[in-house]
Amino acid sequence: MFRKLSDKIYVAPQIGVADVGDAAALGVTLIINNRPEDESADQTPGGDVEAAAKAAGLAYVAIPVTHAGFAEWQVTAMADALDKAEGKVLAYCRSGTRSTLLWALARASRGDHPAVLSEQAADAGYDLSPVTAMMDMVRGRAS
């Protein structure tokens, strides 16, 4: 269920309370919820995942992303969360795609090369082409 993007980050489709223990067993110390609340009737509420994370000794942050796209504050918040994480990170959304795209933008904003990020995402089954131009733009700011 968890897809590895790098040694430090995994992404996943919607997780449930029971998945928090599996994440902790992998060495995850931070869970990032990229899903807006009430996006669908079948999603586990973020508050439930947050409570399970805290009970397991994991940090939790919500950086919701809608299908409307990515704002600069979201890229910055994701980059900051990744920078501050003391262990592995699990980011999730409905399918894992928004989490992967936001991870790529965050890493590009810190200077990572888009081609390397695209390869990492492809290895995990995700396509970064929707944010290729944006990765180049935010990477240019990091230089």
Protein backbone atom coordinates (compact mmCIF):
# COMPACT_ATOMS: atom_id res chain seq x y z
CA MET A 1 0.00 0.00 0.00
CA PHE A 2 2.85 2.41 0.81
CA ARG A 3 4.92 3.37 -2.23
CA LYS A 4 8.53 4.40 -1.68
CA LEU A 5 9.62 7.61 -3.44
CA SER A 6 12.97 7.88 -1.67
CA ASP A 7 14.71 6.55 1.41
CA LYS A 8 12.87 9.20 3.40
CA ILE A 9 9.35 9.35 1.96
CA TYR A 10 6.48 7.05 1.18
CA VAL A 11 3.15 7.96 -0.37
CA ALA A 12 -0.15 6.14 -0.19
CA PRO A 13 -3.79 6.26 -1.10
CA GLN A 14 -6.17 7.07 1.77
CA ILE A 15 -4.96 5.41 4.95
CA GLY A 16 -7.00 4.28 7.90
CA VAL A 17 -6.31 4.18 11.60
CA ALA A 18 -5.01 0.59 11.34
CA ASP A 19 -2.37 1.67 8.78
CA VAL A 20 -0.65 3.99 11.26
CA GLY A 21 0.99 1.04 13.04
CA ASP A 22 2.32 -0.29 9.72
CA ALA A 23 3.79 3.14 8.97
CA ALA A 24 5.45 3.29 12.40
CA ALA A 25 6.94 -0.19 11.82
CA LEU A 26 8.60 1.18 8.65
CA GLY A 27 10.27 3.94 10.64
CA VAL A 28 7.80 6.68 9.72
CA THR A 29 7.88 9.53 12.23
CA LEU A 30 5.59 11.98 10.39
CA ILE A 31 2.29 11.47 8.57
CA ILE A 32 1.23 14.20 6.14
CA ASN A 33 -2.43 14.32 5.15
CA ASN A 34 -2.85 15.96 1.74
CA ARG A 35 -6.56 15.26 1.54
CA PRO A 36 -9.23 17.90 2.19
CA GLU A 37 -11.77 16.86 4.83
CA ASP A 38 -15.07 15.54 3.50
CA GLU A 39 -13.71 15.01 0.00
CA SER A 40 -15.62 11.72 -0.14
CA ALA A 41 -17.98 9.87 2.16
CA ASP A 42 -15.68 6.85 2.48
CA GLN A 43 -12.54 8.64 3.66
CA THR A 44 -11.19 8.27 7.18
CA PRO A 45 -11.43 11.67 8.91
CA GLY A 46 -8.08 13.39 9.33
CA GLY A 47 -8.75 13.79 13.04
CA ASP A 48 -8.97 10.01 13.43
CA VAL A 49 -5.66 9.50 11.62
CA GLU A 50 -4.10 12.31 13.64
CA ALA A 51 -5.24 10.75 16.94
CA ALA A 52 -3.87 7.34 15.89
CA ALA A 53 -0.58 8.93 14.82
CA LYS A 54 -0.17 10.78 18.10
CA ALA A 55 -1.06 7.62 20.07
CA ALA A 56 1.71 5.82 18.15
CA GLY A 57 4.19 8.63 18.89
CA LEU A 58 4.15 9.99 15.34
CA ALA A 59 3.86 13.60 14.27
CA TYR A 60 0.97 14.60 12.00
CA VAL A 61 0.37 17.56 9.73
CA ALA A 62 -2.45 18.38 7.32
CA ILE A 63 -1.63 20.17 4.08
CA PRO A 64 -4.86 19.73 2.11
CA VAL A 65 -4.73 19.90 -1.67
CA THR A 66 -7.84 20.08 -3.83
CA HIS A 67 -8.00 19.14 -7.49
CA ALA A 68 -7.79 22.87 -8.28
CA GLY A 69 -3.99 22.69 -8.12
CA PHE A 70 -1.11 23.74 -5.93
CA ALA A 71 -0.53 27.06 -4.19
CA GLU A 72 2.84 28.38 -3.10
CA TRP A 73 1.91 28.01 0.59
CA GLN A 74 1.28 24.29 0.08
CA VAL A 75 4.66 23.75 -1.60
CA THR A 76 6.38 25.69 1.18
CA ALA A 77 4.48 23.85 3.94
CA MET A 78 5.36 20.47 2.39
CA ALA A 79 9.03 21.41 1.95
CA ASP A 80 9.22 22.65 5.54
CA ALA A 81 7.54 19.50 6.89
CA LEU A 82 9.93 17.28 4.94
CA ASP A 83 12.94 19.32 6.06
CA LYS A 84 11.94 19.11 9.73
CA ALA A 85 11.02 15.41 9.77
CA GLU A 86 13.44 13.44 11.91
CA GLY A 87 12.68 10.11 10.27
CA LYS A 88 10.69 8.74 7.39
CA VAL A 89 7.53 10.44 6.17
CA LEU A 90 4.26 9.01 4.89
CA ALA A 91 2.13 11.40 2.82
CA TYR A 92 -1.33 10.38 1.66
CA CYS A 93 -4.31 11.59 -0.34
CA ARG A 94 -7.07 9.78 -2.26
CA SER A 95 -4.72 7.92 -4.63
CA GLY A 96 -1.25 9.11 -3.65
CA THR A 97 -0.95 11.26 -6.77
CA ARG A 98 -1.44 14.69 -5.17
CA SER A 99 0.98 13.74 -2.39
CA THR A 100 3.56 12.69 -5.00
CA LEU A 101 3.11 15.85 -7.05
CA LEU A 102 3.36 18.05 -3.97
CA TRP A 103 6.47 16.14 -2.78
CA ALA A 104 8.09 16.73 -6.18
CA LEU A 105 7.30 20.44 -6.10
CA ALA A 106 8.61 20.71 -2.54
CA ARG A 107 11.85 18.91 -3.41
CA ALA A 108 12.29 20.96 -6.60
CA SER A 109 11.85 24.11 -4.53
CA ARG A 110 14.85 22.93 -2.49
CA GLY A 111 16.92 22.47 -5.65
CA ASP A 112 16.38 18.80 -6.56
CA HIS A 113 16.49 18.15 -10.31
CA PRO A 114 13.09 17.50 -11.93
CA ALA A 115 14.46 14.61 -14.02
CA VAL A 116 15.64 12.79 -10.89
CA LEU A 117 12.32 13.44 -9.16
CA SER A 118 10.43 12.18 -12.22
CA GLU A 119 12.44 8.97 -12.21
CA GLN A 120 11.78 8.41 -8.50
CA ALA A 121 8.06 9.02 -8.99
CA ALA A 122 7.93 6.72 -12.03
CA ASP A 123 9.61 3.95 -10.05
CA ALA A 124 6.72 4.23 -7.58
CA GLY A 125 4.10 4.28 -10.36
CA TYR A 126 3.40 8.02 -10.53
CA ASP A 127 3.72 10.51 -13.39
CA LEU A 128 4.98 14.02 -12.68
CA SER A 129 4.21 15.45 -16.13
CA PRO A 130 1.29 17.55 -14.78
CA VAL A 131 3.78 19.59 -12.71
CA THR A 132 6.90 19.53 -14.91
CA ALA A 133 6.73 23.23 -15.79
CA MET A 134 5.97 24.17 -12.20
CA MET A 135 8.94 22.10 -10.95
CA ASP A 136 11.23 24.00 -13.32
CA MET A 137 9.79 27.30 -12.09
CA VAL A 138 10.16 26.58 -8.37
CA ARG A 139 13.61 25.06 -8.89
CA GLY A 140 14.70 28.24 -10.62
CA ARG A 141 13.83 30.16 -7.45
CA ALA A 142 15.96 27.80 -5.37
CA SER A 143 19.10 28.46 -7.45
